Each structure stands twice: as C-alpha cells, then as structure tokens.
Amino acid sequence: MNGKNLFNFGPVLGYYFRKNDPNRKSNFNLKTMHFINKLSLAMFLICLVVMFVRYILPAFTR
C-alpha cells in the first residue's frame, strides 16, 4: 500500500453518484438497503469530521 492510493476517493464518490443500470432489476428491498448504507456511511463521515473539530483542532490551537 502506498500513500497515493490511500487518499483515492474515486470509488466512494462513484458509489454515491453513479447512474442506474437499466439492465438490472430493482425492487423496494434493494433500494431501501442501498439508502440505509448510504445514510450510515454519510453519518459516519460526518461524525469523523465532528470528532476532528472537537478533539484534534483544539489540541493544535493551544
């Protein structure tokens, strides 16, 4: 693993902003599962930002 691939956010952004595949069938359960996955990932990322602002930034500003 090198540092260049460590900050490659292409797959994450591709997960959020991909187009629907017209050849794939979709049902309510699948849509709900993907919505919950996206919501939980977004909440986790927001939590990381909040924790960074609350705990890490004050340590550098002292």
PDB file of N, CA and C in Angstrom:
ATOM      1  N   MET A   1       0.855  -1.181   0.000  1.00  0.00           N
ATOM      2  CA  MET A   1       0.000   0.000   0.000  1.00  0.00           C
ATOM      3  C   MET A   1       0.894   1.235   0.000  1.00  0.00           C
ATOM      4  N   ASN A   2       0.612   2.125  -0.902  1.00  0.00           N
ATOM      5  CA  ASN A   2       1.380   3.358  -0.924  1.00  0.00           C
ATOM      6  C   ASN A   2       0.461   4.538  -0.612  1.00  0.00           C
ATOM      7  N   GLY A   3       1.059   5.671  -0.365  1.00  0.00           N
ATOM      8  CA  GLY A   3       0.303   6.846   0.032  1.00  0.00           C
ATOM      9  C   GLY A   3      -0.597   7.399  -1.053  1.00  0.00           C
ATOM     10  N   LYS A   4      -0.257   7.109  -2.299  1.00  0.00           N
ATOM     11  CA  LYS A   4      -1.054   7.632  -3.404  1.00  0.00           C
ATOM     12  C   LYS A   4      -2.455   7.017  -3.419  1.00  0.00           C
ATOM     13  N   ASN A   5      -2.559   5.738  -3.131  1.00  0.00           N
ATOM     14  CA  ASN A   5      -3.855   5.064  -3.127  1.00  0.00           C
ATOM     15  C   ASN A   5      -4.615   5.260  -1.821  1.00  0.00           C
ATOM     16  N   LEU A   6      -3.941   5.769  -0.810  1.00  0.00           N
ATOM     17  CA  LEU A   6      -4.583   5.935   0.485  1.00  0.00           C
ATOM     18  C   LEU A   6      -5.680   6.992   0.437  1.00  0.00           C
ATOM     19  N   PHE A   7      -5.479   8.040  -0.346  1.00  0.00           N
ATOM     20  CA  PHE A   7      -6.454   9.120  -0.428  1.00  0.00           C
ATOM     21  C   PHE A   7      -7.191   9.127  -1.766  1.00  0.00           C
ATOM     22  N   ASN A   8      -7.399   7.965  -2.335  1.00  0.00           N
ATOM     23  CA  ASN A   8      -8.142   7.846  -3.576  1.00  0.00           C
ATOM     24  C   ASN A   8      -9.622   7.685  -3.236  1.00  0.00           C
ATOM     25  N   PHE A   9     -10.384   8.765  -3.365  1.00  0.00           N
ATOM     26  CA  PHE A   9     -11.795   8.748  -3.002  1.00  0.00           C
ATOM     27  C   PHE A   9     -12.702   8.495  -4.200  1.00  0.00           C
ATOM     28  N   GLY A  10     -12.136   8.101  -5.318  1.00  0.00           N
ATOM     29  CA  GLY A  10     -12.923   7.832  -6.517  1.00  0.00           C
ATOM     30  C   GLY A  10     -13.992   6.767  -6.319  1.00  0.00           C
ATOM     31  N   PRO A  11     -13.664   5.611  -5.725  1.00  0.00           N
ATOM     32  CA  PRO A  11     -14.703   4.596  -5.510  1.00  0.00           C
ATOM     33  C   PRO A  11     -15.819   5.054  -4.570  1.00  0.00           C
ATOM     34  N   VAL A  12     -15.475   5.843  -3.570  1.00  0.00           N
ATOM     35  CA  VAL A  12     -16.503   6.330  -2.640  1.00  0.00           C
ATOM     36  C   VAL A  12     -17.440   7.295  -3.356  1.00  0.00           C
ATOM     37  N   LEU A  13     -16.869   8.222  -4.098  1.00  0.00           N
ATOM     38  CA  LEU A  13     -17.704   9.175  -4.827  1.00  0.00           C
ATOM     39  C   LEU A  13     -18.490   8.479  -5.930  1.00  0.00           C
ATOM     40  N   GLY A  14     -17.902   7.461  -6.532  1.00  0.00           N
ATOM     41  CA  GLY A  14     -18.613   6.694  -7.550  1.00  0.00           C
ATOM     42  C   GLY A  14     -19.792   5.941  -6.974  1.00  0.00           C
ATOM     43  N   TYR A  15     -19.685   5.526  -5.718  1.00  0.00           N
ATOM     44  CA  TYR A  15     -20.802   4.842  -5.067  1.00  0.00           C
ATOM     45  C   TYR A  15     -21.970   5.798  -4.861  1.00  0.00           C
ATOM     46  N   TYR A  16     -21.670   7.029  -4.504  1.00  0.00           N
ATOM     47  CA  TYR A  16     -22.733   7.997  -4.245  1.00  0.00           C
ATOM     48  C   TYR A  16     -23.340   8.562  -5.527  1.00  0.00           C
ATOM     49  N   PHE A  17     -22.545   8.729  -6.560  1.00  0.00           N
ATOM     50  CA  PHE A  17     -23.001   9.449  -7.745  1.00  0.00           C
ATOM     51  C   PHE A  17     -22.975   8.593  -9.004  1.00  0.00           C
ATOM     52  N   ARG A  18     -23.338   7.343  -8.904  1.00  0.00           N
ATOM     53  CA  ARG A  18     -23.359   6.503 -10.100  1.00  0.00           C
ATOM     54  C   ARG A  18     -24.747   6.512 -10.724  1.00  0.00           C
ATOM     55  N   LYS A  19     -24.770   6.201 -12.006  1.00  0.00           N
ATOM     56  CA  LYS A  19     -26.038   6.167 -12.729  1.00  0.00           C
ATOM     57  C   LYS A  19     -26.678   4.792 -12.573  1.00  0.00           C
ATOM     58  N   ASN A  20     -27.993   4.756 -12.694  1.00  0.00           N
ATOM     59  CA  ASN A  20     -28.706   3.493 -12.589  1.00  0.00           C
ATOM     60  C   ASN A  20     -28.451   2.638 -13.821  1.00  0.00           C
ATOM     61  N   ASP A  21     -28.284   1.349 -13.597  1.00  0.00           N
ATOM     62  CA  ASP A  21     -28.094   0.406 -14.687  1.00  0.00           C
ATOM     63  C   ASP A  21     -29.474  -0.024 -15.192  1.00  0.00           C
ATOM     64  N   PRO A  22     -29.819   0.267 -16.443  1.00  0.00           N
ATOM     65  CA  PRO A  22     -31.163  -0.075 -16.929  1.00  0.00           C
ATOM     66  C   PRO A  22     -31.377  -1.581 -17.086  1.00  0.00           C
ATOM     67  N   ASN A  23     -30.310  -2.362 -17.143  1.00  0.00           N
ATOM     68  CA  ASN A  23     -30.442  -3.808 -17.327  1.00  0.00           C
ATOM     69  C   ASN A  23     -30.655  -4.557 -16.018  1.00  0.00           C
ATOM     70  N   ARG A  24     -30.474  -3.882 -14.901  1.00  0.00           N
ATOM     71  CA  ARG A  24     -30.586  -4.549 -13.609  1.00  0.00           C
ATOM     72  C   ARG A  24     -31.951  -4.279 -12.996  1.00  0.00           C
ATOM     73  N   LYS A  25     -32.606  -5.346 -12.551  1.00  0.00           N
ATOM     74  CA  LYS A  25     -33.899  -5.176 -11.894  1.00  0.00           C
ATOM     75  C   LYS A  25     -33.691  -4.594 -10.503  1.00  0.00           C
ATOM     76  N   SER A  26     -34.639  -3.796 -10.085  1.00  0.00           N
ATOM     77  CA  SER A  26     -34.560  -3.186  -8.773  1.00  0.00           C
ATOM     78  C   SER A  26     -35.900  -3.366  -8.071  1.00  0.00           C
ATOM     79  N   ASN A  27     -35.836  -3.606  -6.783  1.00  0.00           N
ATOM     80  CA  ASN A  27     -37.071  -3.713  -6.020  1.00  0.00           C
ATOM     81  C   ASN A  27     -36.965  -2.849  -4.767  1.00  0.00           C
ATOM     82  N   PHE A  28     -38.022  -2.807  -4.003  1.00  0.00           N
ATOM     83  CA  PHE A  28     -38.078  -1.940  -2.831  1.00  0.00           C
ATOM     84  C   PHE A  28     -37.010  -2.314  -1.802  1.00  0.00           C
ATOM     85  N   ASN A  29     -36.806  -3.607  -1.577  1.00  0.00           N
ATOM     86  CA  ASN A  29     -35.833  -4.035  -0.571  1.00  0.00           C
ATOM     87  C   ASN A  29     -34.420  -3.609  -0.940  1.00  0.00           C
ATOM     88  N   LEU A  30     -34.074  -3.737  -2.200  1.00  0.00           N
ATOM     89  CA  LEU A  30     -32.741  -3.354  -2.645  1.00  0.00           C
ATOM     90  C   LEU A  30     -32.538  -1.845  -2.544  1.00  0.00           C
ATOM     91  N   LYS A  31     -33.543  -1.079  -2.935  1.00  0.00           N
ATOM     92  CA  LYS A  31     -33.451   0.380  -2.832  1.00  0.00           C
ATOM     93  C   LYS A  31     -33.328   0.809  -1.372  1.00  0.00           C
ATOM     94  N   THR A  32     -34.092   0.175  -0.499  1.00  0.00           N
ATOM     95  CA  THR A  32     -34.036   0.510   0.924  1.00  0.00           C
ATOM     96  C   THR A  32     -32.675   0.165   1.512  1.00  0.00           C
ATOM     97  N   MET A  33     -32.139  -0.988   1.147  1.00  0.00           N
ATOM     98  CA  MET A  33     -30.831  -1.392   1.648  1.00  0.00           C
ATOM     99  C   MET A  33     -29.753  -0.404   1.213  1.00  0.00           C
ATOM    100  N   HIS A  34     -29.764   0.007  -0.047  1.00  0.00           N
ATOM    101  CA  HIS A  34     -28.757   0.943  -0.521  1.00  0.00           C
ATOM    102  C   HIS A  34     -28.920   2.317   0.127  1.00  0.00           C
ATOM    103  N   PHE A  35     -30.156   2.735   0.358  1.00  0.00           N
ATOM    104  CA  PHE A  35     -30.376   4.014   1.030  1.00  0.00           C
ATOM    105  C   PHE A  35     -29.824   3.978   2.456  1.00  0.00           C
ATOM    106  N   ILE A  36     -30.079   2.898   3.177  1.00  0.00           N
ATOM    107  CA  ILE A  36     -29.587   2.787   4.554  1.00  0.00           C
ATOM    108  C   ILE A  36     -28.065   2.735   4.572  1.00  0.00           C
ATOM    109  N   ASN A  37     -27.459   2.042   3.614  1.00  0.00           N
ATOM    110  CA  ASN A  37     -25.995   2.000   3.538  1.00  0.00           C
ATOM    111  C   ASN A  37     -25.417   3.385   3.280  1.00  0.00           C
ATOM    112  N   LYS A  38     -26.006   4.120   2.355  1.00  0.00           N
ATOM    113  CA  LYS A  38     -25.517   5.465   2.056  1.00  0.00           C
ATOM    114  C   LYS A  38     -25.704   6.389   3.252  1.00  0.00           C
ATOM    115  N   LEU A  39     -26.834   6.273   3.917  1.00  0.00           N
ATOM    116  CA  LEU A  39     -27.103   7.109   5.083  1.00  0.00           C
ATOM    117  C   LEU A  39     -26.119   6.813   6.212  1.00  0.00           C
ATOM    118  N   SER A  40     -25.858   5.548   6.474  1.00  0.00           N
ATOM    119  CA  SER A  40     -24.934   5.206   7.557  1.00  0.00           C
ATOM    120  C   SER A  40     -23.509   5.635   7.226  1.00  0.00           C
ATOM    121  N   LEU A  41     -23.102   5.523   5.978  1.00  0.00           N
ATOM    122  CA  LEU A  41     -21.768   5.970   5.593  1.00  0.00           C
ATOM    123  C   LEU A  41     -21.646   7.486   5.716  1.00  0.00           C
ATOM    124  N   ALA A  42     -22.678   8.207   5.322  1.00  0.00           N
ATOM    125  CA  ALA A  42     -22.658   9.665   5.448  1.00  0.00           C
ATOM    126  C   ALA A  42     -22.620  10.083   6.915  1.00  0.00           C
ATOM    127  N   MET A  43     -23.391   9.415   7.764  1.00  0.00           N
ATOM    128  CA  MET A  43     -23.380   9.741   9.194  1.00  0.00           C
ATOM    129  C   MET A  43     -22.014   9.461   9.810  1.00  0.00           C
ATOM    130  N   PHE A  44     -21.379   8.384   9.395  1.00  0.00           N
ATOM    131  CA  PHE A  44     -20.051   8.057   9.898  1.00  0.00           C
ATOM    132  C   PHE A  44     -19.038   9.123   9.496  1.00  0.00           C
ATOM    133  N   LEU A  45     -19.087   9.564   8.240  1.00  0.00           N
ATOM    134  CA  LEU A  45     -18.144  10.585   7.785  1.00  0.00           C
ATOM    135  C   LEU A  45     -18.384  11.917   8.490  1.00  0.00           C
ATOM    136  N   ILE A  46     -19.639  12.265   8.718  1.00  0.00           N
ATOM    137  CA  ILE A  46     -19.950  13.496   9.448  1.00  0.00           C
ATOM    138  C   ILE A  46     -19.447  13.395  10.882  1.00  0.00           C
ATOM    139  N   CYS A  47     -19.603  12.233  11.484  1.00  0.00           N
ATOM    140  CA  CYS A  47     -19.121  12.024  12.850  1.00  0.00           C
ATOM    141  C   CYS A  47     -17.600  12.163  12.918  1.00  0.00           C
ATOM    142  N   LEU A  48     -16.895  11.647  11.930  1.00  0.00           N
ATOM    143  CA  LEU A  48     -15.438  11.801  11.913  1.00  0.00           C
ATOM    144  C   LEU A  48     -15.039  13.271  11.836  1.00  0.00           C
ATOM    145  N   VAL A  49     -15.751  14.041  11.041  1.00  0.00           N
ATOM    146  CA  VAL A  49     -15.453  15.471  10.927  1.00  0.00           C
ATOM    147  C   VAL A  49     -15.723  16.170  12.254  1.00  0.00           C
ATOM    148  N   VAL A  50     -16.839  15.851  12.897  1.00  0.00           N
ATOM    149  CA  VAL A  50     -17.178  16.475  14.183  1.00  0.00           C
ATOM    150  C   VAL A  50     -16.137  16.114  15.235  1.00  0.00           C
ATOM    151  N   MET A  51     -15.732  14.857  15.279  1.00  0.00           N
ATOM    152  CA  MET A  51     -14.716  14.447  16.252  1.00  0.00           C
ATOM    153  C   MET A  51     -13.390  15.151  15.983  1.00  0.00           C
ATOM    154  N   PHE A  52     -13.040  15.314  14.722  1.00  0.00           N
ATOM    155  CA  PHE A  52     -11.808  16.013  14.376  1.00  0.00           C
ATOM    156  C   PHE A  52     -11.863  17.456  14.854  1.00  0.00           C
ATOM    157  N   VAL A  53     -12.993  18.111  14.630  1.00  0.00           N
ATOM    158  CA  VAL A  53     -13.129  19.513  15.024  1.00  0.00           C
ATOM    159  C   VAL A  53     -13.122  19.653  16.544  1.00  0.00           C
ATOM    160  N   ARG A  54     -13.765  18.747  17.246  1.00  0.00           N
ATOM    161  CA  ARG A  54     -13.865  18.861  18.708  1.00  0.00           C
ATOM    162  C   ARG A  54     -12.576  18.489  19.438  1.00  0.00           C
ATOM    163  N   TYR A  55     -11.879  17.457  18.963  1.00  0.00           N
ATOM    164  CA  TYR A  55     -10.771  16.922  19.747  1.00  0.00           C
ATOM    165  C   TYR A  55      -9.394  17.195  19.160  1.00  0.00           C
ATOM    166  N   ILE A  56      -9.273  17.209  17.874  1.00  0.00           N
ATOM    167  CA  ILE A  56      -7.953  17.353  17.270  1.00  0.00           C
ATOM    168  C   ILE A  56      -7.586  18.822  17.075  1.00  0.00           C
ATOM    169  N   LEU A  57      -8.497  19.615  16.533  1.00  0.00           N
ATOM    170  CA  LEU A  57      -8.184  21.024  16.292  1.00  0.00           C
ATOM    171  C   LEU A  57      -7.873  21.803  17.568  1.00  0.00           C
ATOM    172  N   PRO A  58      -8.597  21.622  18.671  1.00  0.00           N
ATOM    173  CA  PRO A  58      -8.225  22.369  19.883  1.00  0.00           C
ATOM    174  C   PRO A  58      -6.825  22.034  20.396  1.00  0.00           C
ATOM    175  N   ALA A  59      -6.349  20.841  20.143  1.00  0.00           N
ATOM    176  CA  ALA A  59      -5.004  20.480  20.585  1.00  0.00           C
ATOM    177  C   ALA A  59      -3.945  21.270  19.822  1.00  0.00           C
ATOM    178  N   PHE A  60      -4.226  21.623  18.575  1.00  0.00           N
ATOM    179  CA  PHE A  60      -3.265  22.384  17.782  1.00  0.00           C
ATOM    180  C   PHE A  60      -3.364  23.887  18.012  1.00  0.00           C
ATOM    181  N   THR A  61      -4.458  24.354  18.572  1.00  0.00           N
ATOM    182  CA  THR A  61      -4.634  25.795  18.750  1.00  0.00           C
ATOM    183  C   THR A  61      -4.201  26.274  20.128  1.00  0.00           C
ATOM    184  N   ARG A  62      -3.718  25.403  20.964  1.00  0.00           N
ATOM    185  CA  ARG A  62      -3.273  25.811  22.314  1.00  0.00           C
ATOM    186  C   ARG A  62      -1.931  26.472  22.263  1.00  0.00           C
TER     187      ARG A  62
END
